[in-house]
């Protein structure tokens, strides 16, 4: 967003680049011009510079550092404990392992779009405990039988709601970062979520194929 206005006999172009962390007031970048046409050109220059990330001063904070601060100072005191735990979980498990080392002001929309694509293919960790082996020894030696081929357990992928939650939380993080003067735009805006999460194809084992052929 930007604006052009007359200032005495001259013209000015300005764009919003963030908010003062101390006062919360809007911070603008301005350029002076001699005519309306020059002001239009100046505005385009400001907007182009804004898009290439050269207007906002580097904050020095990584995304991990900023999200930790955001969770403790903004979310924990004002939201339900369950919400705080949910936000913390989705950030630490699915966001900061990939984007956490990047500076807050250096995260781009492409970074987040790539994260979404990766999360859509990420399998859920299997938390089922393996069955304990029986310590009983057979009284007689068992007959030698061919091993039964067990079907491979299909991978369960992250659900759409989890991926959408990650984007929603990131959007809130960057809205807050803009107000703190740590970022000049929200890269979590207009992120495309996969339309569907396909289940992986399951193949039959040799034993299952034999049984099918008998019928």
N, C-alpha and C. Protein backbone atom coordinates (compact mmCIF):
# COMPACT_ATOMS: atom_id res chain seq x y z
N UNK A 1 0.84 -1.19 0.00
CA UNK A 1 0.00 0.00 0.00
C UNK A 1 0.87 1.24 0.00
N UNK A 2 0.35 2.33 -0.60
CA UNK A 2 1.11 3.57 -0.64
C UNK A 2 0.19 4.74 -0.90
N UNK A 3 0.77 5.93 -0.82
CA UNK A 3 -0.03 7.14 -1.03
C UNK A 3 0.85 8.23 -1.63
N UNK A 4 0.20 9.14 -2.35
CA UNK A 4 0.85 10.32 -2.92
C UNK A 4 0.08 11.54 -2.43
N UNK A 5 0.79 12.54 -1.97
CA UNK A 5 0.10 13.75 -1.51
C UNK A 5 1.00 14.96 -1.74
N UNK A 6 0.35 16.14 -1.80
CA UNK A 6 1.08 17.38 -2.03
C UNK A 6 1.53 17.97 -0.71
N UNK A 7 2.78 18.42 -0.68
CA UNK A 7 3.36 19.01 0.52
C UNK A 7 3.91 20.39 0.13
N UNK A 8 3.07 21.42 0.27
CA UNK A 8 3.48 22.74 -0.18
C UNK A 8 3.51 22.77 -1.71
N UNK A 9 4.65 23.16 -2.24
CA UNK A 9 4.81 23.19 -3.69
C UNK A 9 5.35 21.86 -4.23
N UNK A 10 5.78 21.01 -3.35
CA UNK A 10 6.35 19.72 -3.76
C UNK A 10 5.33 18.60 -3.54
N UNK A 11 5.75 17.39 -3.90
CA UNK A 11 4.92 16.20 -3.72
C UNK A 11 5.70 15.17 -2.91
N UNK A 12 4.95 14.30 -2.26
CA UNK A 12 5.58 13.22 -1.50
C UNK A 12 4.89 11.89 -1.81
N UNK A 13 5.68 10.84 -1.78
CA UNK A 13 5.16 9.47 -1.89
C UNK A 13 5.55 8.73 -0.61
N UNK A 14 4.68 7.90 -0.12
CA UNK A 14 5.02 7.17 1.10
C UNK A 14 4.37 5.78 1.09
N UNK A 15 5.00 4.85 1.82
CA UNK A 15 4.43 3.51 2.03
C UNK A 15 4.62 3.11 3.48
N UNK A 16 3.74 2.28 3.97
CA UNK A 16 3.83 1.77 5.33
C UNK A 16 4.85 0.64 5.38
N UNK A 17 5.82 0.72 6.33
CA UNK A 17 6.82 -0.34 6.43
C UNK A 17 6.76 -1.09 7.76
N UNK A 18 5.90 -0.64 8.69
CA UNK A 18 5.81 -1.34 9.96
C UNK A 18 5.23 -0.45 11.05
N UNK A 19 5.42 -0.89 12.31
CA UNK A 19 4.91 -0.16 13.45
C UNK A 19 5.99 -0.02 14.51
N UNK A 20 6.00 1.12 15.17
CA UNK A 20 6.97 1.37 16.22
C UNK A 20 6.68 0.44 17.40
N UNK A 21 7.65 -0.37 17.85
CA UNK A 21 7.38 -1.33 18.93
C UNK A 21 7.06 -0.65 20.26
N UNK A 22 7.53 0.58 20.45
CA UNK A 22 7.31 1.27 21.73
C UNK A 22 5.94 1.93 21.78
N UNK A 23 5.53 2.56 20.67
CA UNK A 23 4.28 3.32 20.67
C UNK A 23 3.15 2.66 19.90
N UNK A 24 3.51 1.73 19.01
CA UNK A 24 2.49 1.09 18.18
C UNK A 24 2.07 1.93 16.99
N UNK A 25 2.71 3.10 16.82
CA UNK A 25 2.36 3.99 15.71
C UNK A 25 2.93 3.48 14.39
N UNK A 26 2.24 3.80 13.30
CA UNK A 26 2.68 3.37 11.97
C UNK A 26 3.98 4.08 11.60
N UNK A 27 4.87 3.34 10.90
CA UNK A 27 6.14 3.89 10.43
C UNK A 27 6.11 3.89 8.90
N UNK A 28 6.41 5.04 8.31
CA UNK A 28 6.34 5.19 6.85
C UNK A 28 7.73 5.49 6.27
N UNK A 29 7.93 5.06 5.04
CA UNK A 29 9.10 5.45 4.26
C UNK A 29 8.60 6.44 3.21
N UNK A 30 9.29 7.62 3.13
CA UNK A 30 8.81 8.68 2.25
C UNK A 30 9.88 9.08 1.24
N UNK A 31 9.41 9.60 0.12
CA UNK A 31 10.28 10.19 -0.89
C UNK A 31 9.67 11.49 -1.37
N UNK A 32 10.52 12.51 -1.56
CA UNK A 32 10.08 13.83 -2.02
C UNK A 32 10.20 13.90 -3.54
N UNK A 33 9.26 14.56 -4.20
CA UNK A 33 9.27 14.71 -5.65
C UNK A 33 8.83 16.13 -6.03
N UNK A 34 9.23 16.56 -7.22
CA UNK A 34 8.92 17.91 -7.67
C UNK A 34 7.56 18.00 -8.37
N UNK A 35 7.08 16.88 -8.88
CA UNK A 35 5.80 16.90 -9.59
C UNK A 35 5.01 15.63 -9.26
N UNK A 36 3.74 15.64 -9.68
CA UNK A 36 2.88 14.47 -9.44
C UNK A 36 3.42 13.24 -10.17
N UNK A 37 3.88 13.45 -11.42
CA UNK A 37 4.43 12.34 -12.19
C UNK A 37 5.67 11.76 -11.52
N UNK A 38 6.52 12.65 -11.00
CA UNK A 38 7.72 12.18 -10.30
C UNK A 38 7.33 11.44 -9.01
N UNK A 39 6.25 11.88 -8.38
CA UNK A 39 5.78 11.22 -7.15
C UNK A 39 5.27 9.82 -7.44
N UNK A 40 4.60 9.66 -8.60
CA UNK A 40 4.13 8.33 -9.01
C UNK A 40 5.31 7.39 -9.21
N UNK A 41 6.36 7.90 -9.86
CA UNK A 41 7.58 7.10 -10.07
C UNK A 41 8.24 6.76 -8.74
N UNK A 42 8.26 7.75 -7.83
CA UNK A 42 8.86 7.53 -6.51
C UNK A 42 8.11 6.46 -5.73
N UNK A 43 6.77 6.49 -5.84
CA UNK A 43 5.96 5.49 -5.15
C UNK A 43 6.25 4.09 -5.68
N UNK A 44 6.38 3.97 -7.00
CA UNK A 44 6.70 2.67 -7.60
C UNK A 44 8.08 2.18 -7.13
N UNK A 45 9.02 3.11 -7.00
CA UNK A 45 10.36 2.75 -6.52
C UNK A 45 10.30 2.25 -5.08
N UNK A 46 9.53 2.96 -4.24
CA UNK A 46 9.38 2.55 -2.84
C UNK A 46 8.74 1.16 -2.74
N UNK A 47 7.70 0.93 -3.54
CA UNK A 47 7.01 -0.36 -3.50
C UNK A 47 7.90 -1.49 -3.99
N UNK A 48 8.70 -1.22 -5.04
CA UNK A 48 9.63 -2.25 -5.54
C UNK A 48 10.70 -2.55 -4.51
N UNK A 49 11.22 -1.52 -3.86
CA UNK A 49 12.24 -1.72 -2.82
C UNK A 49 11.66 -2.47 -1.64
N UNK A 50 10.41 -2.14 -1.31
CA UNK A 50 9.72 -2.82 -0.21
C UNK A 50 9.58 -4.31 -0.47
N UNK A 51 9.26 -4.66 -1.72
CA UNK A 51 9.09 -6.08 -2.08
C UNK A 51 10.40 -6.85 -2.02
N UNK A 52 11.52 -6.17 -2.22
CA UNK A 52 12.82 -6.87 -2.23
C UNK A 52 13.48 -6.85 -0.86
N UNK A 53 12.70 -6.48 0.16
CA UNK A 53 13.15 -6.60 1.56
C UNK A 53 14.31 -5.67 1.90
N UNK A 54 14.43 -4.52 1.27
CA UNK A 54 15.56 -3.64 1.58
C UNK A 54 15.17 -2.46 2.44
N UNK A 55 13.88 -2.34 2.79
CA UNK A 55 13.47 -1.21 3.61
C UNK A 55 13.51 -1.52 5.09
N UNK A 56 13.11 -2.71 5.46
CA UNK A 56 13.07 -3.04 6.88
C UNK A 56 14.46 -3.37 7.39
N UNK A 57 14.83 -2.77 8.49
CA UNK A 57 16.14 -3.05 9.07
C UNK A 57 16.15 -4.47 9.64
N UNK A 58 17.22 -5.24 9.41
CA UNK A 58 17.28 -6.60 9.95
C UNK A 58 17.12 -6.60 11.46
N UNK A 59 16.26 -7.48 11.97
CA UNK A 59 16.00 -7.50 13.40
C UNK A 59 17.07 -8.28 14.16
N UNK A 60 17.74 -9.22 13.47
CA UNK A 60 18.73 -10.04 14.15
C UNK A 60 18.13 -11.23 14.86
N UNK A 61 16.80 -11.25 15.02
CA UNK A 61 16.13 -12.36 15.69
C UNK A 61 15.81 -13.47 14.70
N UNK A 62 16.07 -14.70 15.10
CA UNK A 62 15.65 -15.82 14.27
C UNK A 62 14.17 -16.09 14.52
N UNK A 63 13.55 -16.85 13.63
CA UNK A 63 12.14 -17.17 13.80
C UNK A 63 11.92 -17.97 15.09
N UNK A 64 12.85 -18.85 15.41
CA UNK A 64 12.73 -19.62 16.66
C UNK A 64 12.72 -18.69 17.86
N UNK A 65 13.66 -17.75 17.91
CA UNK A 65 13.74 -16.81 19.03
C UNK A 65 12.48 -15.97 19.14
N UNK A 66 12.00 -15.50 17.99
CA UNK A 66 10.83 -14.62 18.03
C UNK A 66 9.57 -15.38 18.43
N UNK A 67 9.39 -16.60 17.91
CA UNK A 67 8.17 -17.36 18.25
C UNK A 67 8.17 -17.76 19.73
N UNK A 68 9.34 -18.06 20.27
CA UNK A 68 9.41 -18.37 21.71
C UNK A 68 8.98 -17.17 22.55
N UNK A 69 9.46 -15.99 22.16
CA UNK A 69 9.09 -14.76 22.87
C UNK A 69 7.60 -14.47 22.70
N UNK A 70 7.11 -14.66 21.48
CA UNK A 70 5.69 -14.43 21.18
C UNK A 70 4.79 -15.34 22.00
N UNK A 71 5.16 -16.60 22.09
CA UNK A 71 4.36 -17.56 22.86
C UNK A 71 4.30 -17.17 24.34
N UNK A 72 5.45 -16.80 24.91
CA UNK A 72 5.52 -16.54 26.35
C UNK A 72 4.94 -15.19 26.75
N UNK A 73 5.09 -14.17 25.89
CA UNK A 73 4.66 -12.81 26.27
C UNK A 73 3.30 -12.41 25.70
N UNK A 74 2.87 -13.04 24.61
CA UNK A 74 1.61 -12.64 23.99
C UNK A 74 0.52 -13.70 24.12
N UNK A 75 0.88 -14.96 23.93
CA UNK A 75 -0.13 -16.02 23.91
C UNK A 75 -0.41 -16.59 25.30
N UNK A 76 0.63 -16.93 26.03
CA UNK A 76 0.45 -17.56 27.34
C UNK A 76 -0.37 -16.71 28.31
N UNK A 77 -0.13 -15.38 28.39
CA UNK A 77 -0.90 -14.58 29.34
C UNK A 77 -2.35 -14.31 28.92
N UNK A 78 -2.64 -14.41 27.62
CA UNK A 78 -3.95 -13.96 27.15
C UNK A 78 -4.84 -15.06 26.57
N UNK A 79 -4.30 -16.23 26.34
CA UNK A 79 -5.10 -17.30 25.73
C UNK A 79 -5.21 -18.49 26.68
N UNK A 80 -6.13 -19.39 26.38
CA UNK A 80 -6.33 -20.58 27.21
C UNK A 80 -5.08 -21.46 27.17
N UNK A 81 -4.79 -22.17 28.28
CA UNK A 81 -3.60 -23.04 28.31
C UNK A 81 -3.57 -24.06 27.17
N UNK A 82 -4.75 -24.58 26.80
CA UNK A 82 -4.81 -25.55 25.71
C UNK A 82 -4.38 -24.91 24.39
N UNK A 83 -4.78 -23.66 24.16
CA UNK A 83 -4.40 -22.94 22.94
C UNK A 83 -2.89 -22.71 22.92
N UNK A 84 -2.36 -22.29 24.06
CA UNK A 84 -0.91 -22.06 24.17
C UNK A 84 -0.13 -23.33 23.84
N UNK A 85 -0.56 -24.47 24.43
CA UNK A 85 0.12 -25.74 24.19
C UNK A 85 0.00 -26.16 22.73
N UNK A 86 -1.15 -25.93 22.12
CA UNK A 86 -1.36 -26.29 20.72
C UNK A 86 -0.47 -25.46 19.80
N UNK A 87 -0.39 -24.15 20.05
CA UNK A 87 0.45 -23.28 19.24
C UNK A 87 1.92 -23.65 19.40
N UNK A 88 2.32 -23.91 20.63
CA UNK A 88 3.71 -24.27 20.90
C UNK A 88 4.07 -25.58 20.21
N UNK A 89 3.17 -26.54 20.26
CA UNK A 89 3.40 -27.84 19.63
C UNK A 89 3.57 -27.70 18.13
N UNK A 90 2.65 -26.99 17.47
CA UNK A 90 2.71 -26.91 16.01
C UNK A 90 3.95 -26.14 15.55
N UNK A 91 4.38 -25.15 16.32
CA UNK A 91 5.58 -24.39 15.95
C UNK A 91 6.85 -25.22 16.14
N UNK A 92 6.98 -25.86 17.30
CA UNK A 92 8.21 -26.60 17.60
C UNK A 92 8.33 -27.90 16.80
N UNK A 93 7.18 -28.51 16.49
CA UNK A 93 7.22 -29.79 15.78
C UNK A 93 7.26 -29.63 14.26
N UNK A 94 6.57 -28.62 13.74
CA UNK A 94 6.37 -28.56 12.29
C UNK A 94 6.86 -27.29 11.61
N UNK A 95 7.27 -26.29 12.35
CA UNK A 95 7.69 -25.03 11.71
C UNK A 95 9.17 -24.73 11.95
N UNK A 96 9.55 -24.57 13.21
CA UNK A 96 10.93 -24.14 13.49
C UNK A 96 12.01 -25.15 13.11
N UNK A 97 11.74 -26.46 13.06
CA UNK A 97 12.79 -27.36 12.55
C UNK A 97 13.22 -27.02 11.12
N UNK A 98 12.32 -26.43 10.34
CA UNK A 98 12.63 -26.08 8.95
C UNK A 98 13.01 -24.61 8.78
N UNK A 99 12.24 -23.72 9.40
CA UNK A 99 12.44 -22.27 9.19
C UNK A 99 13.03 -21.54 10.38
N UNK A 100 13.25 -22.24 11.47
CA UNK A 100 13.65 -21.60 12.72
C UNK A 100 14.93 -20.80 12.69
N UNK A 101 15.89 -21.18 11.85
CA UNK A 101 17.19 -20.49 11.82
C UNK A 101 17.18 -19.23 10.95
N UNK A 102 16.12 -19.04 10.16
CA UNK A 102 16.03 -17.85 9.32
C UNK A 102 15.66 -16.64 10.17
N UNK A 103 16.17 -15.47 9.81
CA UNK A 103 15.78 -14.24 10.50
C UNK A 103 14.31 -13.95 10.20
N UNK A 104 13.64 -13.37 11.18
CA UNK A 104 12.21 -13.10 11.04
C UNK A 104 11.93 -12.31 9.76
N UNK A 105 12.72 -11.27 9.49
CA UNK A 105 12.47 -10.41 8.35
C UNK A 105 12.95 -11.02 7.03
N UNK A 106 13.53 -12.22 7.09
CA UNK A 106 14.05 -12.86 5.87
C UNK A 106 13.15 -14.00 5.39
N UNK A 107 12.12 -14.36 6.17
CA UNK A 107 11.21 -15.44 5.77
C UNK A 107 10.30 -14.92 4.66
N UNK A 108 10.20 -15.67 3.59
CA UNK A 108 9.39 -15.25 2.44
C UNK A 108 8.15 -16.13 2.29
N UNK A 109 7.24 -15.67 1.44
CA UNK A 109 6.04 -16.45 1.14
C UNK A 109 6.43 -17.79 0.51
N UNK A 110 7.46 -17.79 -0.32
CA UNK A 110 7.91 -19.05 -0.94
C UNK A 110 8.40 -20.03 0.12
N UNK A 111 9.11 -19.53 1.15
CA UNK A 111 9.57 -20.40 2.23
C UNK A 111 8.39 -21.11 2.88
N UNK A 112 7.33 -20.36 3.15
CA UNK A 112 6.17 -20.94 3.83
C UNK A 112 5.40 -21.86 2.90
N UNK A 113 5.32 -21.50 1.63
CA UNK A 113 4.64 -22.37 0.66
C UNK A 113 5.39 -23.69 0.52
N UNK A 114 6.72 -23.64 0.52
CA UNK A 114 7.54 -24.86 0.46
C UNK A 114 7.37 -25.70 1.73
N UNK A 115 7.24 -25.02 2.87
CA UNK A 115 7.01 -25.73 4.13
C UNK A 115 5.69 -26.49 4.08
N UNK A 116 4.66 -25.85 3.57
CA UNK A 116 3.34 -26.49 3.45
C UNK A 116 3.43 -27.74 2.56
N UNK A 117 4.13 -27.62 1.45
CA UNK A 117 4.28 -28.76 0.54
C UNK A 117 5.00 -29.92 1.22
N UNK A 118 6.02 -29.60 2.03
CA UNK A 118 6.77 -30.64 2.75
C UNK A 118 5.91 -31.28 3.84
N UNK A 119 5.14 -30.46 4.56
CA UNK A 119 4.30 -31.00 5.64
C UNK A 119 3.21 -31.91 5.09
N UNK A 120 2.70 -31.59 3.90
CA UNK A 120 1.65 -32.41 3.29
C UNK A 120 2.13 -33.82 2.98
N UNK A 121 3.46 -34.00 2.87
CA UNK A 121 4.03 -35.32 2.57
C UNK A 121 4.67 -35.96 3.80
N UNK A 122 4.58 -35.29 4.93
CA UNK A 122 5.27 -35.77 6.14
C UNK A 122 4.46 -36.84 6.86
N UNK A 123 5.06 -38.00 7.11
CA UNK A 123 4.32 -39.05 7.83
C UNK A 123 4.23 -38.75 9.32
N UNK A 124 3.16 -39.19 9.93
CA UNK A 124 2.99 -39.06 11.37
C UNK A 124 3.83 -40.13 12.05
N UNK A 125 4.49 -39.76 13.14
CA UNK A 125 5.31 -40.72 13.87
C UNK A 125 4.45 -41.80 14.50
N UNK A 126 4.88 -43.05 14.34
CA UNK A 126 4.16 -44.18 14.93
C UNK A 126 4.48 -44.25 16.42
N UNK A 127 3.45 -44.02 17.25
CA UNK A 127 3.65 -44.01 18.71
C UNK A 127 3.21 -45.30 19.39
N UNK A 128 2.81 -46.31 18.60
CA UNK A 128 2.39 -47.58 19.20
C UNK A 128 3.61 -48.35 19.70
N UNK A 129 3.48 -48.91 20.88
CA UNK A 129 4.59 -49.66 21.47
C UNK A 129 4.65 -51.06 20.87
N UNK A 130 5.86 -51.54 20.55
CA UNK A 130 5.97 -52.91 20.02
C UNK A 130 5.59 -53.94 21.07
N UNK A 131 4.98 -55.02 20.61
CA UNK A 131 4.56 -56.07 21.55
C UNK A 131 5.78 -56.78 22.13
N UNK A 132 5.70 -57.05 23.44
CA UNK A 132 6.81 -57.73 24.12
C UNK A 132 6.85 -59.20 23.69
N UNK A 133 8.05 -59.69 23.46
CA UNK A 133 8.21 -61.09 23.05
C UNK A 133 8.02 -62.01 24.24
N UNK A 134 7.33 -63.12 24.00
CA UNK A 134 7.10 -64.10 25.07
C UNK A 134 8.41 -64.81 25.41
N UNK A 135 8.65 -64.98 26.73
CA UNK A 135 9.89 -65.62 27.18
C UNK A 135 9.70 -67.13 27.33
N UNK A 136 8.47 -67.63 27.11
CA UNK A 136 8.20 -69.07 27.25
C UNK A 136 8.90 -69.85 26.16
N UNK A 137 9.59 -70.88 26.55
CA UNK A 137 10.27 -71.75 25.59
C UNK A 137 9.36 -72.92 25.25
N UNK A 138 9.21 -73.30 23.99
CA UNK A 138 8.35 -74.45 23.63
C UNK A 138 8.94 -75.75 24.17
N UNK A 139 8.04 -76.66 24.61
CA UNK A 139 8.48 -77.94 25.15
C UNK A 139 9.08 -78.82 24.05
N UNK A 140 8.52 -78.76 22.88
CA UNK A 140 9.06 -79.54 21.77
C UNK A 140 9.49 -78.59 20.67
N UNK A 141 10.38 -79.02 19.87
CA UNK A 141 10.90 -78.21 18.78
C UNK A 141 9.79 -78.03 17.73
N UNK A 142 9.46 -76.80 17.36
CA UNK A 142 8.36 -76.59 16.41
C UNK A 142 8.73 -77.07 15.01
N UNK A 143 7.69 -77.40 14.24
CA UNK A 143 7.92 -77.81 12.87
C UNK A 143 8.40 -76.61 12.06
N UNK A 144 9.27 -76.88 11.12
CA UNK A 144 9.81 -75.79 10.30
C UNK A 144 8.74 -75.34 9.31
N UNK A 145 8.33 -74.09 9.41
CA UNK A 145 7.32 -73.54 8.51
C UNK A 145 7.88 -72.29 7.84
N UNK A 146 7.44 -72.03 6.61
CA UNK A 146 7.94 -70.82 5.94
C UNK A 146 7.43 -69.57 6.63
N UNK A 147 8.25 -68.55 6.70
CA UNK A 147 7.81 -67.31 7.37
C UNK A 147 6.66 -66.66 6.60
N UNK A 148 5.70 -66.14 7.36
CA UNK A 148 4.55 -65.47 6.75
C UNK A 148 4.92 -64.01 6.50
N UNK A 149 4.77 -63.59 5.27
CA UNK A 149 5.11 -62.22 4.92
C UNK A 149 4.03 -61.28 5.43
N UNK A 150 4.42 -60.35 6.29
CA UNK A 150 3.46 -59.41 6.85
C UNK A 150 3.33 -58.20 5.93
N UNK A 151 2.09 -57.72 5.73
CA UNK A 151 1.91 -56.53 4.88
C UNK A 151 2.55 -55.31 5.54
N UNK A 152 3.17 -54.48 4.71
CA UNK A 152 3.82 -53.28 5.22
C UNK A 152 2.75 -52.29 5.68
N UNK A 153 2.96 -51.76 6.89
CA UNK A 153 2.00 -50.82 7.46
C UNK A 153 2.04 -49.51 6.68
N UNK A 154 0.90 -49.05 6.14
CA UNK A 154 0.92 -47.81 5.35
C UNK A 154 1.26 -46.60 6.21
N UNK A 155 1.96 -45.64 5.63
CA UNK A 155 2.32 -44.42 6.36
C UNK A 155 1.10 -43.52 6.47
N UNK A 156 0.93 -42.96 7.66
CA UNK A 156 -0.15 -42.00 7.90
C UNK A 156 0.44 -40.61 7.79
N UNK A 157 -0.11 -39.78 6.90
CA UNK A 157 0.42 -38.43 6.68
C UNK A 157 -0.28 -37.43 7.59
N UNK A 158 0.39 -36.29 7.78
CA UNK A 158 -0.20 -35.22 8.57
C UNK A 158 -1.53 -34.80 7.98
N UNK A 159 -2.48 -34.50 8.83
CA UNK A 159 -3.79 -34.09 8.35
C UNK A 159 -3.79 -32.65 7.85
N UNK A 160 -4.78 -32.34 7.05
CA UNK A 160 -4.93 -30.99 6.49
C UNK A 160 -5.09 -29.96 7.61
N UNK A 161 -5.80 -30.32 8.67
CA UNK A 161 -6.04 -29.37 9.76
C UNK A 161 -4.75 -28.98 10.45
N UNK A 162 -3.81 -29.92 10.58
CA UNK A 162 -2.53 -29.62 11.21
C UNK A 162 -1.73 -28.64 10.36
N UNK A 163 -1.71 -28.88 9.05
CA UNK A 163 -0.98 -28.00 8.14
C UNK A 163 -1.62 -26.60 8.13
N UNK A 164 -2.96 -26.56 8.12
CA UNK A 164 -3.66 -25.28 8.14
C UNK A 164 -3.39 -24.53 9.44
N UNK A 165 -3.30 -25.26 10.55
CA UNK A 165 -3.01 -24.63 11.84
C UNK A 165 -1.62 -24.00 11.83
N UNK A 166 -0.65 -24.69 11.23
CA UNK A 166 0.71 -24.15 11.15
C UNK A 166 0.71 -22.81 10.40
N UNK A 167 -0.04 -22.73 9.31
CA UNK A 167 -0.11 -21.49 8.53
C UNK A 167 -0.82 -20.40 9.32
N UNK A 168 -1.91 -20.76 9.99
CA UNK A 168 -2.67 -19.78 10.78
C UNK A 168 -1.82 -19.19 11.90
N UNK A 169 -1.09 -20.04 12.59
CA UNK A 169 -0.24 -19.57 13.69
C UNK A 169 0.88 -18.69 13.14
N UNK A 170 1.49 -19.09 12.03
CA UNK A 170 2.54 -18.27 11.42
C UNK A 170 2.00 -16.91 11.01
N UNK A 171 0.78 -16.87 10.50
CA UNK A 171 0.18 -15.60 10.12
C UNK A 171 0.07 -14.67 11.34
N UNK A 172 -0.37 -15.22 12.47
CA UNK A 172 -0.47 -14.43 13.70
C UNK A 172 0.90 -13.97 14.18
N UNK A 173 1.90 -14.86 14.06
CA UNK A 173 3.27 -14.51 14.46
C UNK A 173 3.77 -13.30 13.68
N UNK A 174 3.57 -13.32 12.36
CA UNK A 174 4.09 -12.23 11.53
C UNK A 174 3.27 -10.95 11.64
N UNK A 175 1.98 -11.06 11.92
CA UNK A 175 1.19 -9.85 12.20
C UNK A 175 1.75 -9.15 13.43
N UNK A 176 2.12 -9.94 14.42
CA UNK A 176 2.70 -9.38 15.64
C UNK A 176 4.10 -8.82 15.37
N UNK A 177 4.86 -9.51 14.51
CA UNK A 177 6.21 -9.05 14.18
C UNK A 177 6.18 -7.71 13.45
N UNK A 178 5.17 -7.50 12.61
CA UNK A 178 5.02 -6.22 11.91
C UNK A 178 4.76 -5.11 12.92
N UNK A 179 3.90 -5.37 13.89
CA UNK A 179 3.59 -4.37 14.91
C UNK A 179 4.81 -4.08 15.79
N UNK A 180 5.67 -5.09 15.96
CA UNK A 180 6.88 -4.92 16.76
C UNK A 180 8.02 -4.28 15.96
N UNK A 181 7.80 -4.08 14.65
CA UNK A 181 8.86 -3.51 13.82
C UNK A 181 9.94 -4.51 13.46
N UNK A 182 9.64 -5.82 13.60
CA UNK A 182 10.62 -6.86 13.29
C UNK A 182 10.47 -7.40 11.86
N UNK A 183 9.35 -7.12 11.23
CA UNK A 183 9.11 -7.54 9.85
C UNK A 183 8.29 -6.46 9.17
N UNK A 184 8.39 -6.37 7.86
CA UNK A 184 7.66 -5.33 7.14
C UNK A 184 6.50 -5.88 6.32
N UNK A 185 6.37 -7.20 6.24
CA UNK A 185 5.22 -7.79 5.56
C UNK A 185 4.95 -9.17 6.15
N UNK A 186 3.76 -9.69 5.85
CA UNK A 186 3.36 -11.00 6.38
C UNK A 186 3.49 -12.06 5.29
N UNK A 187 4.53 -12.89 5.33
CA UNK A 187 4.73 -13.90 4.28
C UNK A 187 3.76 -15.08 4.38
N UNK A 188 2.98 -15.13 5.45
CA UNK A 188 2.02 -16.24 5.61
C UNK A 188 0.65 -15.87 5.02
N UNK A 189 0.62 -14.85 4.16
CA UNK A 189 -0.62 -14.43 3.51
C UNK A 189 -0.74 -15.08 2.14
N UNK A 190 -1.97 -15.47 1.79
CA UNK A 190 -2.27 -16.10 0.49
C UNK A 190 -1.47 -17.38 0.26
N UNK A 191 -1.38 -18.21 1.29
CA UNK A 191 -0.70 -19.50 1.17
C UNK A 191 -1.72 -20.53 0.68
N UNK A 192 -1.33 -21.31 -0.32
CA UNK A 192 -2.22 -22.34 -0.87
C UNK A 192 -2.03 -23.65 -0.14
N UNK A 193 -3.12 -24.17 0.40
CA UNK A 193 -3.10 -25.48 1.03
C UNK A 193 -3.46 -26.55 0.02
N UNK A 194 -2.88 -27.74 0.12
CA UNK A 194 -3.26 -28.83 -0.78
C UNK A 194 -4.76 -29.10 -0.68
N UNK A 195 -5.40 -29.35 -1.81
CA UNK A 195 -6.85 -29.56 -1.80
C UNK A 195 -7.24 -30.86 -1.13
N UNK A 196 -6.36 -31.85 -1.20
CA UNK A 196 -6.65 -33.13 -0.54
C UNK A 196 -5.36 -33.82 -0.19
N UNK A 197 -5.44 -34.65 0.82
CA UNK A 197 -4.27 -35.41 1.27
C UNK A 197 -4.52 -36.87 0.91
N UNK A 198 -3.85 -37.32 -0.14
CA UNK A 198 -4.08 -38.67 -0.63
C UNK A 198 -3.43 -39.71 0.27
N UNK A 199 -4.15 -40.81 0.50
CA UNK A 199 -3.58 -41.91 1.26
C UNK A 199 -2.63 -42.70 0.38
N UNK A 200 -1.51 -43.19 0.94
CA UNK A 200 -0.58 -43.95 0.12
C UNK A 200 -1.19 -45.27 -0.34
N UNK A 201 -0.83 -45.68 -1.53
CA UNK A 201 -1.34 -46.94 -2.09
C UNK A 201 -0.81 -48.12 -1.29
N UNK A 202 -1.65 -49.14 -1.09
CA UNK A 202 -1.25 -50.33 -0.35
C UNK A 202 -1.11 -51.49 -1.32
N UNK A 203 0.02 -52.17 -1.25
CA UNK A 203 0.25 -53.31 -2.14
C UNK A 203 0.01 -54.61 -1.38
N UNK A 204 -0.43 -55.64 -2.11
CA UNK A 204 -0.69 -56.94 -1.50
C UNK A 204 0.61 -57.71 -1.29
N UNK A 205 0.63 -58.52 -0.24
CA UNK A 205 1.77 -59.38 -0.01
C UNK A 205 1.65 -60.63 -0.90
N UNK A 206 2.73 -61.39 -0.97
CA UNK A 206 2.73 -62.63 -1.77
C UNK A 206 1.66 -63.59 -1.28
N UNK A 207 1.53 -63.72 0.05
CA UNK A 207 0.56 -64.62 0.65
C UNK A 207 -0.86 -64.20 0.30
N UNK A 208 -1.12 -62.88 0.31
CA UNK A 208 -2.45 -62.38 -0.03
C UNK A 208 -2.79 -62.65 -1.50
N UNK A 209 -1.80 -62.51 -2.36
CA UNK A 209 -2.00 -62.80 -3.78
C UNK A 209 -2.35 -64.27 -3.99
N UNK A 210 -1.63 -65.17 -3.30
CA UNK A 210 -1.90 -66.62 -3.39
C UNK A 210 -3.30 -66.93 -2.95
N UNK A 211 -3.74 -66.32 -1.82
CA UNK A 211 -5.08 -66.56 -1.30
C UNK A 211 -6.15 -66.08 -2.27
N UNK A 212 -5.89 -64.93 -2.91
CA UNK A 212 -6.86 -64.40 -3.87
C UNK A 212 -7.01 -65.32 -5.08
N UNK A 213 -5.88 -65.90 -5.52
CA UNK A 213 -5.89 -66.77 -6.70
C UNK A 213 -6.62 -68.09 -6.41
N UNK A 214 -6.72 -68.46 -5.14
CA UNK A 214 -7.40 -69.70 -4.79
C UNK A 214 -8.91 -69.55 -4.97
N UNK A 215 -9.40 -68.32 -4.81
CA UNK A 215 -10.85 -68.07 -4.87
C UNK A 215 -11.35 -67.99 -6.30
